[in-house]
Structures are given as structure tokens and as C-alpha cells.
Protein backbone atom coordinates (compact mmCIF):
# COMPACT_ATOMS: atom_id res chain seq x y z
CA MET A 1 55.65 50.42 105.02
CA SER A 2 52.10 52.65 106.86
CA PHE A 3 52.43 54.76 102.66
CA VAL A 4 51.65 51.38 101.02
CA VAL A 5 48.80 50.92 103.25
CA VAL A 6 47.28 54.26 102.84
CA LYS A 7 48.22 54.15 98.94
CA LEU A 8 46.65 51.05 98.34
CA LYS A 9 43.29 51.41 100.38
CA HIS A 10 42.88 55.45 98.16
CA LEU A 11 43.19 52.73 94.69
CA ILE A 12 41.12 50.65 95.86
CA PHE A 13 38.86 53.29 96.75
CA ALA A 14 39.50 55.46 93.42
CA ALA A 15 38.59 51.75 91.64
CA LEU A 16 35.36 51.38 93.29
CA ILE A 17 34.62 54.98 92.18
CA ILE A 18 35.21 54.51 89.10
CA ALA A 19 33.80 51.05 89.05
CA SER A 20 30.29 53.04 90.18
CA LEU A 21 30.45 55.60 87.64
CA SER A 22 30.97 52.88 84.75
CA PHE A 23 28.32 51.12 85.75
CA VAL A 24 26.14 54.38 86.29
CA ALA A 25 26.99 55.26 82.63
CA ALA A 26 26.02 52.33 81.23
CA GLY A 27 22.40 52.79 82.71
CA ALA A 28 22.29 55.91 80.82
CA MET A 29 23.27 54.94 77.67
CA ARG A 30 20.75 51.97 77.96
CA THR A 31 18.95 52.02 74.79
CA VAL A 32 15.27 52.47 75.70
CA SER A 33 12.19 53.24 73.73
CA VAL A 34 10.28 54.97 75.63
CA PHE A 35 9.65 57.27 78.27
CA ARG A 36 6.76 58.73 80.58
CA VAL A 37 5.76 61.96 79.38
CA ASN A 38 2.08 63.68 81.66
CA GLY A 39 2.12 59.70 83.43
CA ARG A 40 2.56 57.77 80.47
CA GLU A 41 4.34 55.44 78.70
CA VAL A 42 5.16 57.72 75.12
CA PRO A 43 6.94 55.38 72.11
CA ILE A 44 9.04 57.39 69.31
CA TYR A 45 6.78 58.98 66.36
CA SER A 46 9.07 61.23 65.08
CA VAL A 47 12.80 61.58 65.07
CA GLY A 48 14.43 65.17 65.91
CA GLU A 49 17.94 67.01 64.41
CA ARG A 50 18.64 64.50 61.54
CA GLY A 51 19.10 66.39 59.34
CA ASP A 52 16.66 65.66 56.29
CA LYS A 53 16.50 62.11 56.58
CA ILE A 54 12.73 60.25 56.56
CA ALA A 55 11.15 56.85 56.94
CA ILE A 56 9.18 55.02 54.98
CA THR A 57 7.26 52.15 56.69
CA PHE A 58 4.82 50.13 55.83
CA ASP A 59 2.40 47.94 57.82
CA CYS A 60 2.02 43.81 56.47
CA ALA A 61 -1.08 42.50 57.61
CA TRP A 62 -2.78 41.55 54.98
CA ASN A 63 -2.19 39.84 51.33
CA ASP A 64 1.21 40.21 49.19
CA GLU A 65 0.02 40.93 45.53
CA ASP A 66 1.82 44.31 45.91
CA ILE A 67 4.53 42.87 47.31
CA ASP A 68 7.29 43.49 43.55
CA SER A 69 5.74 46.60 42.91
CA ILE A 70 6.48 48.42 45.85
CA LEU A 71 10.20 46.84 46.31
CA ASP A 72 10.95 48.22 42.29
CA THR A 73 9.50 51.38 43.49
CA LEU A 74 11.91 51.39 46.30
CA ASP A 75 15.34 50.16 44.44
CA ALA A 76 13.98 52.43 41.48
CA TYR A 77 13.85 55.94 44.20
CA SER A 78 17.07 53.55 46.28
CA CYS A 79 15.01 53.85 49.11
CA ARG A 80 15.24 51.23 52.33
CA ALA A 81 12.50 51.01 53.73
CA THR A 82 10.74 49.09 56.58
CA PHE A 83 8.16 46.76 57.00
CA PHE A 84 6.68 46.24 59.78
CA VAL A 85 5.05 42.55 59.54
CA VAL A 86 2.17 40.33 61.34
CA GLY A 87 3.75 36.69 62.08
CA THR A 88 0.38 35.26 60.25
CA TRP A 89 1.45 37.12 57.38
CA ALA A 90 4.82 36.08 56.43
CA GLN A 91 4.04 32.51 57.30
CA LYS A 92 1.34 32.77 54.66
CA TYR A 93 3.66 35.32 52.29
CA PRO A 94 7.39 33.74 53.64
CA ASP A 95 8.71 34.57 50.32
CA ALA A 96 7.36 37.66 50.16
CA LEU A 97 9.52 38.55 53.33
CA ARG A 98 12.61 36.44 52.50
CA LYS A 99 11.81 38.89 48.60
CA ILE A 100 11.51 42.72 51.36
CA ALA A 101 14.78 41.45 53.30
CA GLU A 102 17.08 40.34 50.39
CA ARG A 103 17.12 43.42 48.77
CA GLY A 104 17.77 44.98 51.90
CA HIS A 105 14.84 46.44 53.14
CA GLU A 106 14.42 46.64 57.19
CA VAL A 107 11.82 44.89 59.12
CA GLY A 108 9.79 44.52 62.22
CA ASN A 109 7.33 42.42 64.52
CA HIS A 110 3.69 43.92 64.08
CA SER A 111 2.42 41.29 66.40
CA TYR A 112 1.62 37.60 64.83
CA ASN A 113 -2.05 38.10 63.74
CA HIS A 114 -2.42 42.06 65.13
CA ALA A 115 -5.11 41.23 67.91
CA ASP A 116 -5.69 44.40 70.27
CA TYR A 117 -2.82 45.02 71.94
CA THR A 118 -4.73 47.20 74.59
CA LYS A 119 -7.02 44.82 76.05
CA MET A 120 -4.10 41.86 76.54
CA SER A 121 -1.65 41.92 78.90
CA GLU A 122 2.22 41.42 79.56
CA LYS A 123 3.25 38.35 79.66
CA GLU A 124 0.81 37.52 76.61
CA ILE A 125 2.51 40.62 74.99
CA THR A 126 5.42 38.84 74.82
CA GLU A 127 3.99 35.79 74.38
CA ASP A 128 2.70 37.04 71.33
CA LEU A 129 5.90 39.35 69.98
CA ASP A 130 8.16 36.27 70.46
CA LYS A 131 5.65 34.85 68.08
CA CYS A 132 6.02 37.00 65.54
CA ASP A 133 9.69 37.10 66.64
CA ALA A 134 9.86 33.82 65.81
CA VAL A 135 8.85 33.37 62.33
CA ILE A 136 10.27 36.30 61.04
CA GLU A 137 13.18 34.62 61.92
CA SER A 138 12.17 30.94 60.45
CA VAL A 139 12.58 32.87 57.12
CA THR A 140 14.81 36.04 57.13
CA GLY A 141 16.88 34.45 59.69
CA THR A 142 17.18 37.67 62.06
CA LYS A 143 15.02 38.35 65.17
CA PRO A 144 13.06 41.70 64.35
CA TYR A 145 14.25 44.43 66.81
CA LEU A 146 11.48 47.58 66.16
CA MET A 147 7.96 46.65 66.77
CA ARG A 148 4.71 48.20 66.07
CA ALA A 149 1.25 47.24 67.61
CA PRO A 150 -1.69 46.89 65.86
CA SER A 151 -3.17 49.14 65.22
CA GLY A 152 -0.76 51.31 66.28
CA GLY A 153 -2.21 51.08 70.30
CA TYR A 154 -1.42 51.21 73.09
CA ASN A 155 -1.01 51.97 76.62
CA ASP A 156 1.49 51.49 79.57
CA THR A 157 1.32 47.56 78.73
CA VAL A 158 2.17 47.79 75.66
CA VAL A 159 5.31 49.66 75.64
CA ARG A 160 6.46 48.02 78.88
CA ALA A 161 6.08 44.34 77.07
CA ALA A 162 7.71 46.66 74.14
CA GLU A 163 10.61 47.48 76.74
CA ASN A 164 10.99 44.23 78.16
CA SER A 165 11.18 42.25 75.12
CA GLY A 166 14.14 44.58 74.10
CA LYS A 167 12.04 46.36 71.37
CA ALA A 168 12.25 49.41 70.60
CA TYR A 169 8.55 50.82 69.56
CA ILE A 170 8.02 52.91 66.46
CA GLN A 171 4.96 54.61 65.93
CA TRP A 172 4.19 57.14 63.24
CA SER A 173 3.74 61.09 63.01
CA VAL A 174 1.84 60.89 59.18
CA ASP A 175 -0.61 58.48 58.28
CA ALA A 176 -1.63 58.66 54.59
CA ILE A 177 -4.02 56.57 55.34
CA ASP A 178 -3.92 54.13 52.61
CA TYR A 179 -6.47 52.07 53.12
CA GLY A 180 -10.56 51.22 53.15
CA GLY A 181 -10.88 53.11 48.90
CA ALA A 182 -8.85 55.85 49.43
CA SER A 183 -7.92 57.70 46.35
CA SER A 184 -4.24 58.08 44.74
CA GLN A 185 -4.52 61.53 45.06
CA GLN A 186 -6.37 61.52 48.80
CA ILE A 187 -3.09 58.95 49.37
CA TYR A 188 -0.44 61.10 47.53
CA ASP A 189 -1.55 64.67 49.10
CA ARG A 190 -1.58 62.83 53.57
CA SER A 191 1.82 61.85 52.63
CA VAL A 192 3.89 64.18 50.88
CA LYS A 193 2.72 67.58 51.88
CA ASN A 194 2.54 66.33 55.96
CA THR A 195 5.53 65.06 56.12
CA SER A 196 8.73 67.49 57.45
CA SER A 197 12.50 66.37 58.27
CA GLY A 198 12.15 63.36 61.09
CA ASP A 199 8.76 62.34 59.86
CA ILE A 200 7.76 58.19 59.51
CA ILE A 201 5.44 57.90 56.88
CA LEU A 202 3.14 55.22 57.20
CA LEU A 203 2.30 53.30 54.67
CA HIS A 204 0.52 49.54 54.08
CA ASN A 205 0.43 46.50 51.12
CA GLY A 206 -2.41 45.02 50.00
CA THR A 207 -4.00 48.24 49.45
CA GLU A 208 -6.04 49.01 46.30
CA ASN A 209 -4.36 52.31 45.53
CA THR A 210 -0.46 52.91 47.60
CA ALA A 211 1.73 50.55 45.04
CA ARG A 212 0.63 52.89 42.38
CA THR A 213 0.96 55.60 43.85
CA LEU A 214 3.90 55.66 45.63
CA PRO A 215 6.64 56.46 42.57
CA LYS A 216 4.90 59.59 42.59
CA ILE A 217 5.07 60.02 46.94
CA LEU A 218 8.82 59.43 46.87
CA GLU A 219 9.56 61.74 43.03
CA ALA A 220 8.54 64.28 45.52
CA LEU A 221 9.68 63.27 48.45
CA GLU A 222 13.67 62.63 47.30
CA CYS A 223 13.77 65.95 46.40
CA GLN A 224 14.14 67.46 49.65
CA TYR A 225 14.79 64.16 52.59
CA GLU A 226 16.71 61.34 52.89
CA PHE A 227 15.82 58.30 52.96
CA ALA A 228 16.32 56.10 56.03
CA THR A 229 15.36 52.36 57.38
CA VAL A 230 13.57 53.46 60.81
CA SER A 231 16.50 52.00 63.32
CA GLU A 232 18.95 54.71 59.99
CA LEU A 233 16.44 57.78 61.68
CA ILE A 234 16.12 56.97 65.36
CA TYR A 235 18.48 57.48 68.27
CA HIS A 236 19.27 54.43 69.53
CA GLU A 237 20.66 55.91 73.13
CA ASN A 238 20.73 59.15 75.24
CA TYR A 239 18.06 60.70 73.67
CA ILE A 240 14.16 62.42 75.39
CA ILE A 241 11.47 62.26 73.75
CA ASP A 242 8.49 64.98 74.12
CA ASN A 243 4.89 65.10 74.90
CA THR A 244 4.07 64.91 71.25
CA GLY A 245 6.37 61.54 70.96
CA LYS A 246 9.79 62.84 68.92
CA GLN A 247 12.65 61.78 70.04
CA PHE A 248 15.98 64.77 69.91
CA PRO A 249 19.59 63.44 71.41
CA LYS A 250 19.57 64.50 75.06
């Protein structure tokens, strides 16, 4: 009888150990989008060890005049991109947003009205992200998982708000600087010559030359790289981020 009691105690102890280990493992596998490096929270700028994959992204905050052209070009090159959308833009151009989603592209949160998040509290940022989410979800039926702060401006408060909202904070590693009168050649050079595997490229809709330069950009890039959405490119668990914002598997 005493043997049974002892064995039962051992079984209970073993079960507790297994439960504890499972809890720790679950914590280790928790999806996070930022890491503290040298005392500062760092989001994802690019991705390492992903073969030849790259991600094309667009920030949508201005007009919708070139959306059809951009989408047609993406289709022609079998490129699924990620569009970071401002909430007020989504409200003003719901048909454009609907087309983006229906044609298989990923939609991310780019704030409700492009306010400076670095001057806002965590509560204010969270409320703003939620407001943008609601607009996007009302049009596409899907709540965004990715976010990008207005102008890429962030501090520890911004990235904590993103993380606590359950979002992956995405920056970029290649900036086409395709606004402010940038020429087609300048946009092409910045997009193509600076790109390597694992990069996230930043473009904008509503500019003078982005849509007309996009076919040339994709033609050059498809020779070397595989196009992916940001969610397809990044690691969602068991990863680390270095001081440059590059994400690696753990």
C-alpha cells in the first residue's frame, strides 16, 4: 500500500514538472515583434536566413489614383505585396482597399490619421491602432496583424503599444524615397541596387512616379529574388533580432 502512495506522489511530481516545462515552452514560443538591444526596443527591419525571399511594401496615406495600376503590375509579376494603410485613407477609398485585399495582398495598420506616435502615450497609440483596425476590418473583414508607425517614428512606448496590441511591428531595410518629386531612375536605383535577400522594401502609392517605375523594379528583382508578403517573410516564433533590426531564427 505504501508503494502505491509513493508511486502516486512521483506521478504527481512528474506531472507538475511536465506542466511547468510546457508553460515555459509556451512562453518561449510566444510571438514577439520587438527585442531590447542596447537598452532600446528594436522592431523588425529585415530578415536573415530566408533564402532569396524579399517583401515589397506600400504605405497608403495619400490618394488612390494609381492603385489599379499598381495592382495590375503586381499581378503581372505574381507579386503579393503588403500594404500598410492609414485609417482615414481606408475610409476615403474603401473600394481601393477592397481591391487590395480581394487580389490577395496583405493589409497592415499604418495608424488612423498618420499622427506622430513618438509624441503619444501608450494608451493613445493603442486607441489609434484599434481605430484603424476597425476601419480596415469593416472593409476587408480581417483585422490587421502587422503595423508600421507613421513615418517609421518609434520609441519604446510605441513598440510596447504595438506588442501589447498583439501586432508585429514592421519597419523597412530599403527605402525607395519615391515621394517629393523623386524621378523614376532614382526610385529604381534605390529599390534595386540596395536590395539583398531578406529585405523589406518601402514604396508609397499616390506618388508621381512609383506606379510607372514599378514594372521595371519588379522585372529586375524577380531575376534574383522570390516575392513574399511580410507575414510570409518574417519568423513568427523562436527568433532573435540584432542591433540592426535583422530577424534571425533562434
